[in-house]
């Protein structure tokens, strides 16, 4: 259920690293717990984040939750499509990225969960 090419946080974000950037979103488990997503607050491009720092919020019909950065780095892009269609997070949680970061410390990825460990984490 959880793609093997992603890394995961215990706070239910995923990250997909490429050559020098990484996309960040929320997991299928998180979107199921939230229910219908109605709003995603996006950070400013250029913002520098610490690992674990709150970069935005996600609002559903049930709750508002904070979004935590899996790695330290600079926000190089945000998924503006979520502004008009936040439900993409529900329909394609592992494809609907929220932010794209340029990690400042690639070893941050080593501290994250792989798919098997995340699956065990959410039980």
PDB file of N, CA and C in Angstrom:
ATOM      1  N   UNK A   1       0.813  -1.195   0.000  1.00  0.00           N
ATOM      2  CA  UNK A   1       0.000   0.000   0.000  1.00  0.00           C
ATOM      3  C   UNK A   1       0.861   1.266   0.000  1.00  0.00           C
ATOM      4  N   UNK A   2       1.989   1.249   0.699  1.00  0.00           N
ATOM      5  CA  UNK A   2       2.847   2.432   0.757  1.00  0.00           C
ATOM      6  C   UNK A   2       4.025   2.248  -0.196  1.00  0.00           C
ATOM      7  N   UNK A   3       4.170   3.160  -1.167  1.00  0.00           N
ATOM      8  CA  UNK A   3       5.225   3.004  -2.180  1.00  0.00           C
ATOM      9  C   UNK A   3       6.620   2.856  -1.559  1.00  0.00           C
ATOM     10  N   UNK A   4       7.384   1.914  -2.092  1.00  0.00           N
ATOM     11  CA  UNK A   4       8.716   1.624  -1.568  1.00  0.00           C
ATOM     12  C   UNK A   4       9.730   2.711  -1.907  1.00  0.00           C
ATOM     13  N   UNK A   5       9.429   3.560  -2.906  1.00  0.00           N
ATOM     14  CA  UNK A   5      10.392   4.606  -3.272  1.00  0.00           C
ATOM     15  C   UNK A   5      10.249   5.863  -2.417  1.00  0.00           C
ATOM     16  N   UNK A   6       9.345   5.843  -1.437  1.00  0.00           N
ATOM     17  CA  UNK A   6       9.155   6.986  -0.550  1.00  0.00           C
ATOM     18  C   UNK A   6       9.729   6.692   0.822  1.00  0.00           C
ATOM     19  N   UNK A   7      10.032   7.761   1.562  1.00  0.00           N
ATOM     20  CA  UNK A   7      10.368   7.668   2.978  1.00  0.00           C
ATOM     21  C   UNK A   7       9.234   8.341   3.740  1.00  0.00           C
ATOM     22  N   UNK A   8       9.070   7.982   5.005  1.00  0.00           N
ATOM     23  CA  UNK A   8       7.909   8.425   5.776  1.00  0.00           C
ATOM     24  C   UNK A   8       8.312   8.951   7.148  1.00  0.00           C
ATOM     25  N   UNK A   9       7.486   9.879   7.659  1.00  0.00           N
ATOM     26  CA  UNK A   9       7.680  10.349   9.032  1.00  0.00           C
ATOM     27  C   UNK A   9       6.621   9.705   9.920  1.00  0.00           C
ATOM     28  N   UNK A  10       6.870   9.707  11.208  1.00  0.00           N
ATOM     29  CA  UNK A  10       5.857   9.213  12.144  1.00  0.00           C
ATOM     30  C   UNK A  10       4.674  10.169  12.235  1.00  0.00           C
ATOM     31  N   UNK A  11       4.849  11.393  11.687  1.00  0.00           N
ATOM     32  CA  UNK A  11       3.758  12.379  11.645  1.00  0.00           C
ATOM     33  C   UNK A  11       2.931  12.243  10.369  1.00  0.00           C
ATOM     34  N   UNK A  12       3.221  11.214   9.540  1.00  0.00           N
ATOM     35  CA  UNK A  12       2.422  10.843   8.368  1.00  0.00           C
ATOM     36  C   UNK A  12       2.654  11.706   7.134  1.00  0.00           C
ATOM     37  N   UNK A  13       3.862  12.272   7.008  1.00  0.00           N
ATOM     38  CA  UNK A  13       4.253  12.878   5.746  1.00  0.00           C
ATOM     39  C   UNK A  13       5.109  11.863   4.987  1.00  0.00           C
ATOM     40  N   UNK A  14       5.103  11.975   3.666  1.00  0.00           N
ATOM     41  CA  UNK A  14       6.033  11.188   2.853  1.00  0.00           C
ATOM     42  C   UNK A  14       6.958  12.151   2.130  1.00  0.00           C
ATOM     43  N   UNK A  15       8.094  11.614   1.668  1.00  0.00           N
ATOM     44  CA  UNK A  15       9.036  12.402   0.888  1.00  0.00           C
ATOM     45  C   UNK A  15       9.605  11.523  -0.213  1.00  0.00           C
ATOM     46  N   UNK A  16       9.663  12.081  -1.421  1.00  0.00           N
ATOM     47  CA  UNK A  16      10.228  11.379  -2.576  1.00  0.00           C
ATOM     48  C   UNK A  16      11.428  12.187  -3.041  1.00  0.00           C
ATOM     49  N   UNK A  17      12.625  11.659  -2.825  1.00  0.00           N
ATOM     50  CA  UNK A  17      13.851  12.363  -3.184  1.00  0.00           C
ATOM     51  C   UNK A  17      14.220  12.081  -4.631  1.00  0.00           C
ATOM     52  N   UNK A  18      14.654  13.124  -5.335  1.00  0.00           N
ATOM     53  CA  UNK A  18      15.196  12.978  -6.683  1.00  0.00           C
ATOM     54  C   UNK A  18      16.650  13.431  -6.625  1.00  0.00           C
ATOM     55  N   UNK A  19      17.214  13.871  -7.729  1.00  0.00           N
ATOM     56  CA  UNK A  19      18.633  14.212  -7.752  1.00  0.00           C
ATOM     57  C   UNK A  19      19.002  15.268  -6.706  1.00  0.00           C
ATOM     58  N   UNK A  20      18.334  16.413  -6.730  1.00  0.00           N
ATOM     59  CA  UNK A  20      18.693  17.452  -5.754  1.00  0.00           C
ATOM     60  C   UNK A  20      17.482  18.126  -5.111  1.00  0.00           C
ATOM     61  N   UNK A  21      16.289  17.608  -5.376  1.00  0.00           N
ATOM     62  CA  UNK A  21      15.098  18.111  -4.693  1.00  0.00           C
ATOM     63  C   UNK A  21      14.285  16.923  -4.190  1.00  0.00           C
ATOM     64  N   UNK A  22      13.242  17.219  -3.433  1.00  0.00           N
ATOM     65  CA  UNK A  22      12.382  16.164  -2.904  1.00  0.00           C
ATOM     66  C   UNK A  22      10.968  16.704  -2.775  1.00  0.00           C
ATOM     67  N   UNK A  23       9.997  15.888  -3.163  1.00  0.00           N
ATOM     68  CA  UNK A  23       8.599  16.253  -3.016  1.00  0.00           C
ATOM     69  C   UNK A  23       8.089  15.729  -1.679  1.00  0.00           C
ATOM     70  N   UNK A  24       7.179  16.494  -1.066  1.00  0.00           N
ATOM     71  CA  UNK A  24       6.623  16.141   0.242  1.00  0.00           C
ATOM     72  C   UNK A  24       5.102  16.165   0.153  1.00  0.00           C
ATOM     73  N   UNK A  25       4.469  15.156   0.733  1.00  0.00           N
ATOM     74  CA  UNK A  25       3.013  15.098   0.805  1.00  0.00           C
ATOM     75  C   UNK A  25       2.585  14.387   2.065  1.00  0.00           C
ATOM     76  N   UNK A  26       1.296  14.061   2.162  1.00  0.00           N
ATOM     77  CA  UNK A  26       0.834  13.293   3.315  1.00  0.00           C
ATOM     78  C   UNK A  26       0.435  11.902   2.846  1.00  0.00           C
ATOM     79  N   UNK A  27       0.491  10.960   3.774  1.00  0.00           N
ATOM     80  CA  UNK A  27       0.255   9.557   3.434  1.00  0.00           C
ATOM     81  C   UNK A  27      -1.227   9.242   3.268  1.00  0.00           C
ATOM     82  N   UNK A  28      -1.466   8.087   2.678  1.00  0.00           N
ATOM     83  CA  UNK A  28      -2.836   7.600   2.547  1.00  0.00           C
ATOM     84  C   UNK A  28      -3.478   7.459   3.928  1.00  0.00           C
ATOM     85  N   UNK A  29      -2.722   6.978   4.894  1.00  0.00           N
ATOM     86  CA  UNK A  29      -3.261   6.850   6.258  1.00  0.00           C
ATOM     87  C   UNK A  29      -3.724   8.205   6.775  1.00  0.00           C
ATOM     88  N   UNK A  30      -2.908   9.239   6.574  1.00  0.00           N
ATOM     89  CA  UNK A  30      -3.250  10.583   7.062  1.00  0.00           C
ATOM     90  C   UNK A  30      -4.511  11.113   6.395  1.00  0.00           C
ATOM     91  N   UNK A  31      -4.587  10.951   5.064  1.00  0.00           N
ATOM     92  CA  UNK A  31      -5.780  11.482   4.389  1.00  0.00           C
ATOM     93  C   UNK A  31      -7.033  10.722   4.810  1.00  0.00           C
ATOM     94  N   UNK A  32      -6.893   9.430   5.104  1.00  0.00           N
ATOM     95  CA  UNK A  32      -8.058   8.673   5.577  1.00  0.00           C
ATOM     96  C   UNK A  32      -8.506   9.170   6.945  1.00  0.00           C
ATOM     97  N   UNK A  33      -7.519   9.470   7.815  1.00  0.00           N
ATOM     98  CA  UNK A  33      -7.853   9.959   9.155  1.00  0.00           C
ATOM     99  C   UNK A  33      -8.494  11.340   9.096  1.00  0.00           C
ATOM    100  N   UNK A  34      -8.035  12.174   8.154  1.00  0.00           N
ATOM    101  CA  UNK A  34      -8.572  13.532   8.029  1.00  0.00           C
ATOM    102  C   UNK A  34      -9.972  13.550   7.425  1.00  0.00           C
ATOM    103  N   UNK A  35     -10.222  12.683   6.480  1.00  0.00           N
ATOM    104  CA  UNK A  35     -11.479  12.756   5.728  1.00  0.00           C
ATOM    105  C   UNK A  35     -11.314  13.726   4.572  1.00  0.00           C
ATOM    106  N   UNK A  36     -12.399  14.286   4.106  1.00  0.00           N
ATOM    107  CA  UNK A  36     -12.365  15.151   2.925  1.00  0.00           C
ATOM    108  C   UNK A  36     -11.568  16.424   3.188  1.00  0.00           C
ATOM    109  N   UNK A  37     -10.455  16.572   2.450  1.00  0.00           N
ATOM    110  CA  UNK A  37      -9.590  17.744   2.591  1.00  0.00           C
ATOM    111  C   UNK A  37     -10.237  18.918   1.858  1.00  0.00           C
ATOM    112  N   UNK A  38     -10.337  20.052   2.554  1.00  0.00           N
ATOM    113  CA  UNK A  38     -10.992  21.226   1.967  1.00  0.00           C
ATOM    114  C   UNK A  38     -10.044  22.414   1.788  1.00  0.00           C
ATOM    115  N   UNK A  39      -8.834  22.358   2.395  1.00  0.00           N
ATOM    116  CA  UNK A  39      -7.910  23.482   2.285  1.00  0.00           C
ATOM    117  C   UNK A  39      -6.503  23.025   2.646  1.00  0.00           C
ATOM    118  N   UNK A  40      -5.522  23.494   1.891  1.00  0.00           N
ATOM    119  CA  UNK A  40      -4.113  23.238   2.210  1.00  0.00           C
ATOM    120  C   UNK A  40      -3.409  24.585   2.239  1.00  0.00           C
ATOM    121  N   UNK A  41      -2.834  24.933   3.383  1.00  0.00           N
ATOM    122  CA  UNK A  41      -2.054  26.166   3.518  1.00  0.00           C
ATOM    123  C   UNK A  41      -0.630  25.889   3.061  1.00  0.00           C
ATOM    124  N   UNK A  42      -0.168  26.630   2.059  1.00  0.00           N
ATOM    125  CA  UNK A  42       1.153  26.410   1.483  1.00  0.00           C
ATOM    126  C   UNK A  42       2.125  27.476   1.969  1.00  0.00           C
ATOM    127  N   UNK A  43       3.397  27.107   2.161  1.00  0.00           N
ATOM    128  CA  UNK A  43       4.399  28.100   2.568  1.00  0.00           C
ATOM    129  C   UNK A  43       4.868  28.934   1.373  1.00  0.00           C
ATOM    130  N   UNK A  44       5.628  29.973   1.654  1.00  0.00           N
ATOM    131  CA  UNK A  44       6.237  30.789   0.606  1.00  0.00           C
ATOM    132  C   UNK A  44       7.434  30.049   0.010  1.00  0.00           C
ATOM    133  N   UNK A  45       7.569  30.132  -1.314  1.00  0.00           N
ATOM    134  CA  UNK A  45       8.768  29.606  -1.963  1.00  0.00           C
ATOM    135  C   UNK A  45       9.959  30.411  -1.453  1.00  0.00           C
ATOM    136  N   UNK A  46      11.042  29.727  -1.159  1.00  0.00           N
ATOM    137  CA  UNK A  46      12.231  30.375  -0.625  1.00  0.00           C
ATOM    138  C   UNK A  46      12.365  30.232   0.881  1.00  0.00           C
ATOM    139  N   UNK A  47      11.300  29.801   1.535  1.00  0.00           N
ATOM    140  CA  UNK A  47      11.358  29.615   2.988  1.00  0.00           C
ATOM    141  C   UNK A  47      12.321  28.475   3.322  1.00  0.00           C
ATOM    142  N   UNK A  48      13.131  28.683   4.328  1.00  0.00           N
ATOM    143  CA  UNK A  48      14.080  27.674   4.772  1.00  0.00           C
ATOM    144  C   UNK A  48      13.496  26.983   6.001  1.00  0.00           C
ATOM    145  N   UNK A  49      13.436  25.650   5.935  1.00  0.00           N
ATOM    146  CA  UNK A  49      12.813  24.855   6.984  1.00  0.00           C
ATOM    147  C   UNK A  49      13.850  24.010   7.708  1.00  0.00           C
ATOM    148  N   UNK A  50      13.618  23.808   8.993  1.00  0.00           N
ATOM    149  CA  UNK A  50      14.387  22.831   9.760  1.00  0.00           C
ATOM    150  C   UNK A  50      13.653  21.497   9.695  1.00  0.00           C
ATOM    151  N   UNK A  51      14.369  20.409   9.897  1.00  0.00           N
ATOM    152  CA  UNK A  51      13.710  19.109   9.925  1.00  0.00           C
ATOM    153  C   UNK A  51      12.691  19.095  11.050  1.00  0.00           C
ATOM    154  N   UNK A  52      11.467  18.719  10.750  1.00  0.00           N
ATOM    155  CA  UNK A  52      10.408  18.646  11.750  1.00  0.00           C
ATOM    156  C   UNK A  52       9.644  19.948  11.945  1.00  0.00           C
ATOM    157  N   UNK A  53      10.060  21.019  11.266  1.00  0.00           N
ATOM    158  CA  UNK A  53       9.393  22.318  11.404  1.00  0.00           C
ATOM    159  C   UNK A  53       8.040  22.320  10.694  1.00  0.00           C
ATOM    160  N   UNK A  54       7.073  23.006  11.280  1.00  0.00           N
ATOM    161  CA  UNK A  54       5.761  23.137  10.659  1.00  0.00           C
ATOM    162  C   UNK A  54       5.889  24.049   9.438  1.00  0.00           C
ATOM    163  N   UNK A  55       5.381  23.569   8.278  1.00  0.00           N
ATOM    164  CA  UNK A  55       5.449  24.399   7.072  1.00  0.00           C
ATOM    165  C   UNK A  55       4.082  24.815   6.573  1.00  0.00           C
ATOM    166  N   UNK A  56       3.027  24.307   7.177  1.00  0.00           N
ATOM    167  CA  UNK A  56       1.681  24.659   6.742  1.00  0.00           C
ATOM    168  C   UNK A  56       0.652  23.871   7.512  1.00  0.00           C
ATOM    169  N   UNK A  57      -0.593  24.016   7.086  1.00  0.00           N
ATOM    170  CA  UNK A  57      -1.669  23.252   7.698  1.00  0.00           C
ATOM    171  C   UNK A  57      -2.523  22.636   6.599  1.00  0.00           C
ATOM    172  N   UNK A  58      -3.247  21.607   6.994  1.00  0.00           N
ATOM    173  CA  UNK A  58      -4.195  20.968   6.096  1.00  0.00           C
ATOM    174  C   UNK A  58      -5.519  20.866   6.842  1.00  0.00           C
ATOM    175  N   UNK A  59      -6.577  21.302   6.181  1.00  0.00           N
ATOM    176  CA  UNK A  59      -7.882  21.350   6.831  1.00  0.00           C
ATOM    177  C   UNK A  59      -8.834  20.396   6.124  1.00  0.00           C
ATOM    178  N   UNK A  60      -9.550  19.626   6.935  1.00  0.00           N
ATOM    179  CA  UNK A  60     -10.555  18.716   6.391  1.00  0.00           C
ATOM    180  C   UNK A  60     -11.896  19.025   7.043  1.00  0.00           C
ATOM    181  N   UNK A  61     -12.894  18.261   6.672  1.00  0.00           N
ATOM    182  CA  UNK A  61     -14.205  18.456   7.278  1.00  0.00           C
ATOM    183  C   UNK A  61     -14.187  18.073   8.754  1.00  0.00           C
ATOM    184  N   UNK A  62     -13.163  17.290   9.178  1.00  0.00           N
ATOM    185  CA  UNK A  62     -13.071  16.825  10.557  1.00  0.00           C
ATOM    186  C   UNK A  62     -12.146  17.645  11.440  1.00  0.00           C
ATOM    187  N   UNK A  63     -11.018  18.146  10.858  1.00  0.00           N
ATOM    188  CA  UNK A  63      -9.973  18.724  11.700  1.00  0.00           C
ATOM    189  C   UNK A  63      -9.007  19.575  10.884  1.00  0.00           C
ATOM    190  N   UNK A  64      -8.164  20.310  11.604  1.00  0.00           N
ATOM    191  CA  UNK A  64      -7.040  21.021  11.010  1.00  0.00           C
ATOM    192  C   UNK A  64      -5.781  20.397  11.594  1.00  0.00           C
ATOM    193  N   UNK A  65      -4.832  20.027  10.727  1.00  0.00           N
ATOM    194  CA  UNK A  65      -3.590  19.409  11.176  1.00  0.00           C
ATOM    195  C   UNK A  65      -2.402  20.179  10.635  1.00  0.00           C
ATOM    196  N   UNK A  66      -1.326  20.196  11.419  1.00  0.00           N
ATOM    197  CA  UNK A  66      -0.097  20.829  10.972  1.00  0.00           C
ATOM    198  C   UNK A  66       0.667  19.878  10.055  1.00  0.00           C
ATOM    199  N   UNK A  67       1.448  20.465   9.158  1.00  0.00           N
ATOM    200  CA  UNK A  67       2.304  19.710   8.249  1.00  0.00           C
ATOM    201  C   UNK A  67       3.751  19.940   8.676  1.00  0.00           C
ATOM    202  N   UNK A  68       4.520  18.858   8.800  1.00  0.00           N
ATOM    203  CA  UNK A  68       5.899  18.935   9.286  1.00  0.00           C
ATOM    204  C   UNK A  68       6.870  18.562   8.172  1.00  0.00           C
ATOM    205  N   UNK A  69       7.945  19.307   8.067  1.00  0.00           N
ATOM    206  CA  UNK A  69       8.936  19.019   7.033  1.00  0.00           C
ATOM    207  C   UNK A  69       9.769  17.791   7.423  1.00  0.00           C
ATOM    208  N   UNK A  70       9.823  16.777   6.552  1.00  0.00           N
ATOM    209  CA  UNK A  70      10.621  15.582   6.855  1.00  0.00           C
ATOM    210  C   UNK A  70      12.120  15.842   6.883  1.00  0.00           C
ATOM    211  N   UNK A  71      12.556  16.893   6.176  1.00  0.00           N
ATOM    212  CA  UNK A  71      13.989  17.201   6.093  1.00  0.00           C
ATOM    213  C   UNK A  71      14.195  18.710   6.215  1.00  0.00           C
ATOM    214  N   UNK A  72      15.411  19.094   6.528  1.00  0.00           N
ATOM    215  CA  UNK A  72      15.778  20.510   6.501  1.00  0.00           C
ATOM    216  C   UNK A  72      16.046  20.902   5.063  1.00  0.00           C
ATOM    217  N   UNK A  73      15.693  22.135   4.716  1.00  0.00           N
ATOM    218  CA  UNK A  73      15.975  22.586   3.362  1.00  0.00           C
ATOM    219  C   UNK A  73      15.136  23.783   2.972  1.00  0.00           C
ATOM    220  N   UNK A  74      15.328  24.196   1.719  1.00  0.00           N
ATOM    221  CA  UNK A  74      14.628  25.366   1.186  1.00  0.00           C
ATOM    222  C   UNK A  74      13.440  24.922   0.336  1.00  0.00           C
ATOM    223  N   UNK A  75      12.300  25.575   0.534  1.00  0.00           N
ATOM    224  CA  UNK A  75      11.132  25.324  -0.306  1.00  0.00           C
ATOM    225  C   UNK A  75      11.415  25.935  -1.678  1.00  0.00           C
ATOM    226  N   UNK A  76      11.458  25.101  -2.717  1.00  0.00           N
ATOM    227  CA  UNK A  76      11.746  25.591  -4.072  1.00  0.00           C
ATOM    228  C   UNK A  76      10.491  25.646  -4.933  1.00  0.00           C
ATOM    229  N   UNK A  77       9.402  25.001  -4.496  1.00  0.00           N
ATOM    230  CA  UNK A  77       8.129  25.052  -5.230  1.00  0.00           C
ATOM    231  C   UNK A  77       7.005  24.613  -4.299  1.00  0.00           C
ATOM    232  N   UNK A  78       5.812  25.085  -4.595  1.00  0.00           N
ATOM    233  CA  UNK A  78       4.607  24.615  -3.900  1.00  0.00           C
ATOM    234  C   UNK A  78       3.620  24.161  -4.968  1.00  0.00           C
ATOM    235  N   UNK A  79       2.765  23.234  -4.606  1.00  0.00           N
ATOM    236  CA  UNK A  79       1.784  22.710  -5.552  1.00  0.00           C
ATOM    237  C   UNK A  79       0.554  23.619  -5.530  1.00  0.00           C
ATOM    238  N   UNK A  80       0.593  24.670  -6.369  1.00  0.00           N
ATOM    239  CA  UNK A  80      -0.500  25.644  -6.416  1.00  0.00           C
ATOM    240  C   UNK A  80      -1.829  25.020  -6.820  1.00  0.00           C
ATOM    241  N   UNK A  81      -1.802  23.877  -7.499  1.00  0.00           N
ATOM    242  CA  UNK A  81      -3.047  23.219  -7.916  1.00  0.00           C
ATOM    243  C   UNK A  81      -3.898  22.837  -6.710  1.00  0.00           C
ATOM    244  N   UNK A  82      -3.264  22.646  -5.560  1.00  0.00           N
ATOM    245  CA  UNK A  82      -4.022  22.277  -4.355  1.00  0.00           C
ATOM    246  C   UNK A  82      -4.877  23.430  -3.842  1.00  0.00           C
ATOM    247  N   UNK A  83      -4.563  24.649  -4.242  1.00  0.00           N
ATOM    248  CA  UNK A  83      -5.353  25.806  -3.821  1.00  0.00           C
ATOM    249  C   UNK A  83      -6.786  25.706  -4.350  1.00  0.00           C
ATOM    250  N   UNK A  84      -6.910  25.299  -5.596  1.00  0.00           N
ATOM    251  CA  UNK A  84      -8.249  25.185  -6.192  1.00  0.00           C
ATOM    252  C   UNK A  84      -8.808  23.768  -6.135  1.00  0.00           C
ATOM    253  N   UNK A  85      -7.958  22.781  -5.902  1.00  0.00           N
ATOM    254  CA  UNK A  85      -8.409  21.388  -5.883  1.00  0.00           C
ATOM    255  C   UNK A  85      -7.721  20.614  -4.751  1.00  0.00           C
ATOM    256  N   UNK A  86      -7.984  20.979  -3.492  1.00  0.00           N
ATOM    257  CA  UNK A  86      -7.319  20.294  -2.374  1.00  0.00           C
ATOM    258  C   UNK A  86      -7.707  18.821  -2.259  1.00  0.00           C
ATOM    259  N   UNK A  87      -8.814  18.429  -2.874  1.00  0.00           N
ATOM    260  CA  UNK A  87      -9.257  17.044  -2.809  1.00  0.00           C
ATOM    261  C   UNK A  87      -8.295  16.086  -3.513  1.00  0.00           C
ATOM    262  N   UNK A  88      -7.323  16.621  -4.271  1.00  0.00           N
ATOM    263  CA  UNK A  88      -6.304  15.757  -4.876  1.00  0.00           C
ATOM    264  C   UNK A  88      -5.554  14.966  -3.811  1.00  0.00           C
ATOM    265  N   UNK A  89      -5.449  15.534  -2.614  1.00  0.00           N
ATOM    266  CA  UNK A  89      -4.772  14.842  -1.511  1.00  0.00           C
ATOM    267  C   UNK A  89      -5.525  13.560  -1.153  1.00  0.00           C
ATOM    268  N   UNK A  90      -6.845  13.578  -1.272  1.00  0.00           N
ATOM    269  CA  UNK A  90      -7.645  12.381  -0.992  1.00  0.00           C
ATOM    270  C   UNK A  90      -7.595  11.387  -2.150  1.00  0.00           C
ATOM    271  N   UNK A  91      -7.673  11.885  -3.376  1.00  0.00           N
ATOM    272  CA  UNK A  91      -7.779  10.982  -4.514  1.00  0.00           C
ATOM    273  C   UNK A  91      -6.443  10.350  -4.909  1.00  0.00           C
ATOM    274  N   UNK A  92      -5.337  11.027  -4.634  1.00  0.00           N
ATOM    275  CA  UNK A  92      -4.016  10.508  -5.007  1.00  0.00           C
ATOM    276  C   UNK A  92      -2.988  10.948  -3.962  1.00  0.00           C
ATOM    277  N   UNK A  93      -3.094  10.412  -2.738  1.00  0.00           N
ATOM    278  CA  UNK A  93      -2.252  10.932  -1.646  1.00  0.00           C
ATOM    279  C   UNK A  93      -0.752  10.804  -1.876  1.00  0.00           C
ATOM    280  N   UNK A  94      -0.316   9.761  -2.577  1.00  0.00           N
ATOM    281  CA  UNK A  94       1.125   9.596  -2.775  1.00  0.00           C
ATOM    282  C   UNK A  94       1.597  10.209  -4.093  1.00  0.00           C
ATOM    283  N   UNK A  95       0.699  10.857  -4.812  1.00  0.00           N
ATOM    284  CA  UNK A  95       1.058  11.574  -6.028  1.00  0.00           C
ATOM    285  C   UNK A  95       0.891  13.071  -5.883  1.00  0.00           C
ATOM    286  N   UNK A  96      -0.003  13.482  -4.997  1.00  0.00           N
ATOM    287  CA  UNK A  96      -0.291  14.910  -4.799  1.00  0.00           C
ATOM    288  C   UNK A  96       0.722  15.508  -3.824  1.00  0.00           C
ATOM    289  N   UNK A  97       1.841  15.949  -4.366  1.00  0.00           N
ATOM    290  CA  UNK A  97       2.854  16.575  -3.520  1.00  0.00           C
ATOM    291  C   UNK A  97       2.367  17.952  -3.064  1.00  0.00           C
ATOM    292  N   UNK A  98       2.860  18.399  -1.933  1.00  0.00           N
ATOM    293  CA  UNK A  98       2.455  19.692  -1.373  1.00  0.00           C
ATOM    294  C   UNK A  98       3.568  20.718  -1.559  1.00  0.00           C
ATOM    295  N   UNK A  99       4.783  20.332  -1.165  1.00  0.00           N
ATOM    296  CA  UNK A  99       5.935  21.222  -1.371  1.00  0.00           C
ATOM    297  C   UNK A  99       7.074  20.431  -2.001  1.00  0.00           C
ATOM    298  N   UNK A 100       7.966  21.172  -2.650  1.00  0.00           N
ATOM    299  CA  UNK A 100       9.217  20.604  -3.185  1.00  0.00           C
ATOM    300  C   UNK A 100      10.339  21.340  -2.473  1.00  0.00           C
ATOM    301  N   UNK A 101      11.220  20.577  -1.853  1.00  0.00           N
ATOM    302  CA  UNK A 101      12.316  21.176  -1.096  1.00  0.00           C
ATOM    303  C   UNK A 101      13.659  20.768  -1.693  1.00  0.00           C
ATOM    304  N   UNK A 102      14.664  21.608  -1.453  1.00  0.00           N
ATOM    305  CA  UNK A 102      16.050  21.259  -1.764  1.00  0.00           C
ATOM    306  C   UNK A 102      16.690  20.948  -0.424  1.00  0.00           C
ATOM    307  N   UNK A 103      16.847  19.656  -0.114  1.00  0.00           N
ATOM    308  CA  UNK A 103      17.386  19.290   1.206  1.00  0.00           C
ATOM    309  C   UNK A 103      18.773  19.886   1.444  1.00  0.00           C
ATOM    310  N   UNK A 104      18.981  20.410   2.638  1.00  0.00           N
ATOM    311  CA  UNK A 104      20.289  20.960   2.990  1.00  0.00           C
ATOM    312  C   UNK A 104      21.187  19.907   3.621  1.00  0.00           C
ATOM    313  N   UNK A 105      20.582  18.824   4.078  1.00  0.00           N
ATOM    314  CA  UNK A 105      21.352  17.760   4.702  1.00  0.00           C
ATOM    315  C   UNK A 105      20.769  16.417   4.254  1.00  0.00           C
ATOM    316  N   UNK A 106      21.255  15.869   3.138  1.00  0.00           N
ATOM    317  CA  UNK A 106      20.676  14.618   2.610  1.00  0.00           C
ATOM    318  C   UNK A 106      20.629  13.477   3.631  1.00  0.00           C
ATOM    319  N   UNK A 107      21.455  13.516   4.641  1.00  0.00           N
ATOM    320  CA  UNK A 107      21.422  12.432   5.629  1.00  0.00           C
ATOM    321  C   UNK A 107      20.153  12.466   6.482  1.00  0.00           C
ATOM    322  N   UNK A 108      19.376  13.589   6.406  1.00  0.00           N
ATOM    323  CA  UNK A 108      18.083  13.622   7.108  1.00  0.00           C
ATOM    324  C   UNK A 108      17.194  12.467   6.649  1.00  0.00           C
ATOM    325  N   UNK A 109      17.344  12.084   5.375  1.00  0.00           N
ATOM    326  CA  UNK A 109      16.511  10.994   4.845  1.00  0.00           C
ATOM    327  C   UNK A 109      16.768   9.680   5.578  1.00  0.00           C
ATOM    328  N   UNK A 110      17.979   9.517   6.086  1.00  0.00           N
ATOM    329  CA  UNK A 110      18.330   8.273   6.771  1.00  0.00           C
ATOM    330  C   UNK A 110      17.558   8.082   8.069  1.00  0.00           C
ATOM    331  N   UNK A 111      17.039   9.174   8.629  1.00  0.00           N
ATOM    332  CA  UNK A 111      16.324   9.077   9.899  1.00  0.00           C
ATOM    333  C   UNK A 111      14.833   8.768   9.711  1.00  0.00           C
ATOM    334  N   UNK A 112      14.391   8.674   8.461  1.00  0.00           N
ATOM    335  CA  UNK A 112      12.964   8.459   8.185  1.00  0.00           C
ATOM    336  C   UNK A 112      12.647   6.976   8.036  1.00  0.00           C
ATOM    337  N   UNK A 113      11.367   6.663   8.052  1.00  0.00           N
ATOM    338  CA  UNK A 113      10.906   5.276   7.962  1.00  0.00           C
ATOM    339  C   UNK A 113      10.818   4.833   6.506  1.00  0.00           C
ATOM    340  N   UNK A 114      11.127   3.546   6.262  1.00  0.00           N
ATOM    341  CA  UNK A 114      10.851   2.997   4.930  1.00  0.00           C
ATOM    342  C   UNK A 114       9.404   2.500   4.923  1.00  0.00           C
ATOM    343  N   UNK A 115       8.939   2.009   3.773  1.00  0.00           N
ATOM    344  CA  UNK A 115       7.536   1.607   3.637  1.00  0.00           C
ATOM    345  C   UNK A 115       7.143   0.529   4.651  1.00  0.00           C
ATOM    346  N   UNK A 116       8.008  -0.442   4.869  1.00  0.00           N
ATOM    347  CA  UNK A 116       7.686  -1.524   5.802  1.00  0.00           C
ATOM    348  C   UNK A 116       7.571  -1.010   7.236  1.00  0.00           C
ATOM    349  N   UNK A 117       8.501  -0.146   7.617  1.00  0.00           N
ATOM    350  CA  UNK A 117       8.471   0.403   8.979  1.00  0.00           C
ATOM    351  C   UNK A 117       7.262   1.311   9.165  1.00  0.00           C
ATOM    352  N   UNK A 118       6.906   2.084   8.124  1.00  0.00           N
ATOM    353  CA  UNK A 118       5.731   2.953   8.242  1.00  0.00           C
ATOM    354  C   UNK A 118       4.455   2.117   8.341  1.00  0.00           C
ATOM    355  N   UNK A 119       4.375   1.069   7.542  1.00  0.00           N
ATOM    356  CA  UNK A 119       3.210   0.180   7.592  1.00  0.00           C
ATOM    357  C   UNK A 119       3.046  -0.389   8.994  1.00  0.00           C
ATOM    358  N   UNK A 120       4.154  -0.780   9.602  1.00  0.00           N
ATOM    359  CA  UNK A 120       4.113  -1.300  10.967  1.00  0.00           C
ATOM    360  C   UNK A 120       3.707  -0.188  11.944  1.00  0.00           C
ATOM    361  N   UNK A 121       4.193   1.032  11.708  1.00  0.00           N
ATOM    362  CA  UNK A 121       3.883   2.176  12.579  1.00  0.00           C
ATOM    363  C   UNK A 121       2.378   2.466  12.628  1.00  0.00           C
ATOM    364  N   UNK A 122       1.721   2.392  11.465  1.00  0.00           N
ATOM    365  CA  UNK A 122       0.286   2.708  11.436  1.00  0.00           C
ATOM    366  C   UNK A 122      -0.580   1.491  11.734  1.00  0.00           C
ATOM    367  N   UNK A 123       0.076   0.332  11.848  1.00  0.00           N
ATOM    368  CA  UNK A 123      -0.600  -0.869  12.276  1.00  0.00           C
ATOM    369  C   UNK A 123      -1.637  -1.372  11.353  1.00  0.00           C
TER     370      UNK A 123
END
